[in-house]
Amino acid sequence: RVAFSNTAVIHDRNGIPSLQFRIANERKNEMYGARFELYMMYDEVTAEGQQLRRTELLTLVRDYVPLYMMTWTCMHTIDETSPLYGISPETLAERFQMLVVHFHASDGVLLKTVRASHVYTPVDIHFDKRFADIIERLDDMSMVLHHEKLHDVLPAE
């Protein structure tokens, strides 16, 4: 009962491109020690002409959350240290085959490890888009998570 957004987005965050995707907790209870991992899989041709499949861990802005209750937007900063540096909509499919996300946490009620994975291909990644707000803050300071908006994207501002 962990849901991933069916798209990932790339847009500027504080003036720097950022790859983002969302994960939502569809359980009624909290999870502890949530860890997120993002891997880029791509093909490489060696100097000898051999085709190799490579896997590289992409650094997330935050890859660990001690208490995971509602939703999380995972972000990878696309700076000079990122393998995605200089990526554009035109070069996206040339640069990688897929992004693989792994999630694991401990369920607070069942006391079992929850694991989930998701794959994003180049067609799942949208440039100059951002995710719509998914959390509504009520007057009494409580919050409502709108799961139906998990996949909604808007033009980046």
Protein backbone atom coordinates (compact mmCIF):
# COMPACT_ATOMS: atom_id res chain seq x y z
CA ARG A 1 0.00 0.00 0.00
CA VAL A 2 2.69 2.40 -1.13
CA ALA A 3 1.85 4.39 -4.25
CA PHE A 4 4.30 6.07 -6.60
CA SER A 5 3.44 8.95 -8.91
CA ASN A 6 3.18 7.61 -12.44
CA THR A 7 5.33 10.49 -13.67
CA ALA A 8 8.51 12.21 -12.60
CA VAL A 9 9.14 15.87 -13.29
CA ILE A 10 12.16 18.07 -13.94
CA HIS A 11 11.97 21.75 -13.11
CA ASP A 12 14.04 24.40 -11.38
CA ARG A 13 14.08 24.43 -7.59
CA ASN A 14 15.90 27.49 -6.25
CA GLY A 15 17.32 28.08 -9.72
CA ILE A 16 18.78 24.57 -10.13
CA PRO A 17 17.13 21.77 -12.13
CA SER A 18 15.66 19.06 -9.95
CA LEU A 19 14.27 15.62 -10.81
CA GLN A 20 11.26 14.84 -8.60
CA PHE A 21 8.80 12.00 -8.03
CA ARG A 22 6.26 11.31 -5.29
CA ILE A 23 5.50 8.43 -2.98
CA ALA A 24 2.31 8.21 -0.90
CA ASN A 25 1.54 6.09 2.13
CA GLU A 26 -1.89 4.56 1.49
CA ARG A 27 -1.95 2.88 4.88
CA LYS A 28 -3.82 4.33 7.83
CA ASN A 29 -0.79 3.92 10.07
CA GLU A 30 2.66 5.47 10.08
CA MET A 31 5.91 3.88 8.97
CA TYR A 32 9.30 4.33 10.57
CA GLY A 33 12.78 4.63 9.13
CA ALA A 34 11.70 5.15 5.53
CA ARG A 35 14.60 4.94 3.10
CA PHE A 36 14.47 5.97 -0.57
CA GLU A 37 17.00 4.96 -3.26
CA LEU A 38 17.10 6.10 -6.88
CA TYR A 39 19.14 4.32 -9.53
CA MET A 40 19.77 5.32 -13.12
CA MET A 41 20.22 2.48 -15.59
CA TYR A 42 21.88 3.30 -18.87
CA ASP A 43 23.74 1.65 -21.73
CA GLU A 44 27.38 2.40 -22.38
CA VAL A 45 29.58 1.45 -25.30
CA THR A 46 33.21 0.78 -24.38
CA ALA A 47 36.19 1.89 -26.47
CA GLU A 48 36.24 -1.69 -27.82
CA GLY A 49 32.61 -1.42 -28.96
CA GLN A 50 31.08 -3.59 -26.23
CA GLN A 51 27.60 -2.66 -25.08
CA LEU A 52 27.30 -2.64 -21.27
CA ARG A 53 24.38 -1.92 -18.97
CA ARG A 54 25.42 0.38 -16.13
CA THR A 55 23.63 1.23 -12.89
CA GLU A 56 24.40 4.38 -10.95
CA LEU A 57 22.97 5.56 -7.63
CA LEU A 58 21.57 9.09 -7.88
CA THR A 59 21.91 11.16 -4.73
CA LEU A 60 18.63 12.35 -3.28
CA VAL A 61 18.31 15.62 -1.39
CA ARG A 62 16.96 13.51 1.49
CA ASP A 63 16.97 9.71 1.32
CA TYR A 64 15.78 8.96 4.88
CA VAL A 65 12.72 10.01 6.85
CA PRO A 66 12.40 8.84 10.49
CA LEU A 67 8.57 9.07 10.51
CA TYR A 68 6.70 8.61 7.22
CA MET A 69 3.00 9.27 7.48
CA MET A 70 1.48 10.77 4.36
CA THR A 71 3.48 11.58 1.25
CA TRP A 72 7.00 12.45 0.21
CA THR A 73 8.45 14.21 -2.81
CA CYS A 74 11.89 12.77 -3.53
CA MET A 75 14.30 15.14 -5.25
CA HIS A 76 17.60 14.72 -7.07
CA THR A 77 19.49 17.94 -7.76
CA ILE A 78 20.79 18.05 -11.34
CA ASP A 79 24.05 19.94 -10.82
CA GLU A 80 27.58 19.39 -12.16
CA THR A 81 27.95 16.23 -10.04
CA SER A 82 24.79 14.59 -11.41
CA PRO A 83 24.91 12.08 -14.29
CA LEU A 84 21.82 13.92 -15.58
CA TYR A 85 23.66 17.25 -15.82
CA GLY A 86 22.80 18.97 -19.10
CA ILE A 87 19.84 16.67 -19.79
CA SER A 88 17.12 18.02 -22.07
CA PRO A 89 13.88 16.61 -23.46
CA GLU A 90 15.79 15.89 -26.69
CA THR A 91 18.63 13.96 -25.02
CA LEU A 92 16.58 12.18 -22.35
CA ALA A 93 16.13 8.86 -24.17
CA GLU A 94 19.76 8.89 -25.30
CA ARG A 95 21.10 9.28 -21.77
CA PHE A 96 19.32 6.50 -19.91
CA GLN A 97 17.03 3.51 -20.15
CA MET A 98 15.17 3.83 -16.86
CA LEU A 99 15.14 5.15 -13.31
CA VAL A 100 14.48 2.58 -10.59
CA VAL A 101 13.17 3.66 -7.18
CA HIS A 102 13.41 1.46 -4.09
CA PHE A 103 11.54 2.19 -0.87
CA HIS A 104 11.62 0.38 2.44
CA ALA A 105 10.35 1.19 5.92
CA SER A 106 8.98 -0.50 9.04
CA ASP A 107 5.22 -0.61 9.45
CA GLY A 108 4.34 0.88 12.85
CA VAL A 109 1.44 -1.51 13.54
CA LEU A 110 2.41 -4.75 11.82
CA LEU A 111 6.08 -4.37 12.82
CA LYS A 112 7.13 -5.71 9.42
CA THR A 113 9.32 -4.29 6.72
CA VAL A 114 7.45 -2.70 3.83
CA ARG A 115 9.24 -2.70 0.47
CA ALA A 116 8.18 -1.24 -2.83
CA SER A 117 9.81 -0.39 -6.15
CA HIS A 118 8.86 1.59 -9.21
CA VAL A 119 10.38 2.18 -12.65
CA TYR A 120 10.32 5.42 -14.64
CA THR A 121 11.19 5.30 -18.34
CA PRO A 122 12.01 8.37 -20.46
CA VAL A 123 8.36 8.77 -21.52
CA ASP A 124 7.37 9.07 -17.83
CA ILE A 125 9.54 12.14 -17.22
CA HIS A 126 8.10 15.60 -17.91
CA PHE A 127 10.21 18.74 -18.24
CA ASP A 128 9.09 22.13 -16.93
CA LYS A 129 6.26 20.59 -14.89
CA ARG A 130 5.69 20.49 -11.14
CA PHE A 131 3.44 18.39 -8.96
CA ALA A 132 0.07 19.78 -7.90
CA ASP A 133 -0.43 20.29 -4.17
CA ILE A 134 -1.63 17.07 -2.59
CA ILE A 135 -1.96 18.12 1.06
CA GLU A 136 -4.77 20.39 2.18
CA ARG A 137 -4.37 22.21 5.48
CA LEU A 138 -7.64 22.73 7.31
CA ASP A 139 -8.59 25.59 9.62
CA ASP A 140 -8.12 23.37 12.70
CA MET A 141 -4.47 22.81 11.60
CA SER A 142 -5.16 19.20 10.59
CA MET A 143 -4.21 17.98 7.12
CA VAL A 144 -5.98 15.94 4.47
CA LEU A 145 -4.04 13.95 1.90
CA HIS A 146 -5.73 13.92 -1.51
CA HIS A 147 -4.50 10.63 -2.99
CA GLU A 148 -6.39 11.36 -6.20
CA LYS A 149 -3.89 14.17 -6.91
CA LEU A 150 -0.77 12.00 -6.55
CA HIS A 151 -0.15 11.99 -10.31
CA ASP A 152 -1.31 15.53 -11.14
CA VAL A 153 1.25 17.87 -12.69
CA LEU A 154 1.04 21.55 -13.57
CA PRO A 155 3.26 23.85 -15.64
CA ALA A 156 6.28 24.96 -13.62
CA GLU A 157 6.09 28.60 -12.62
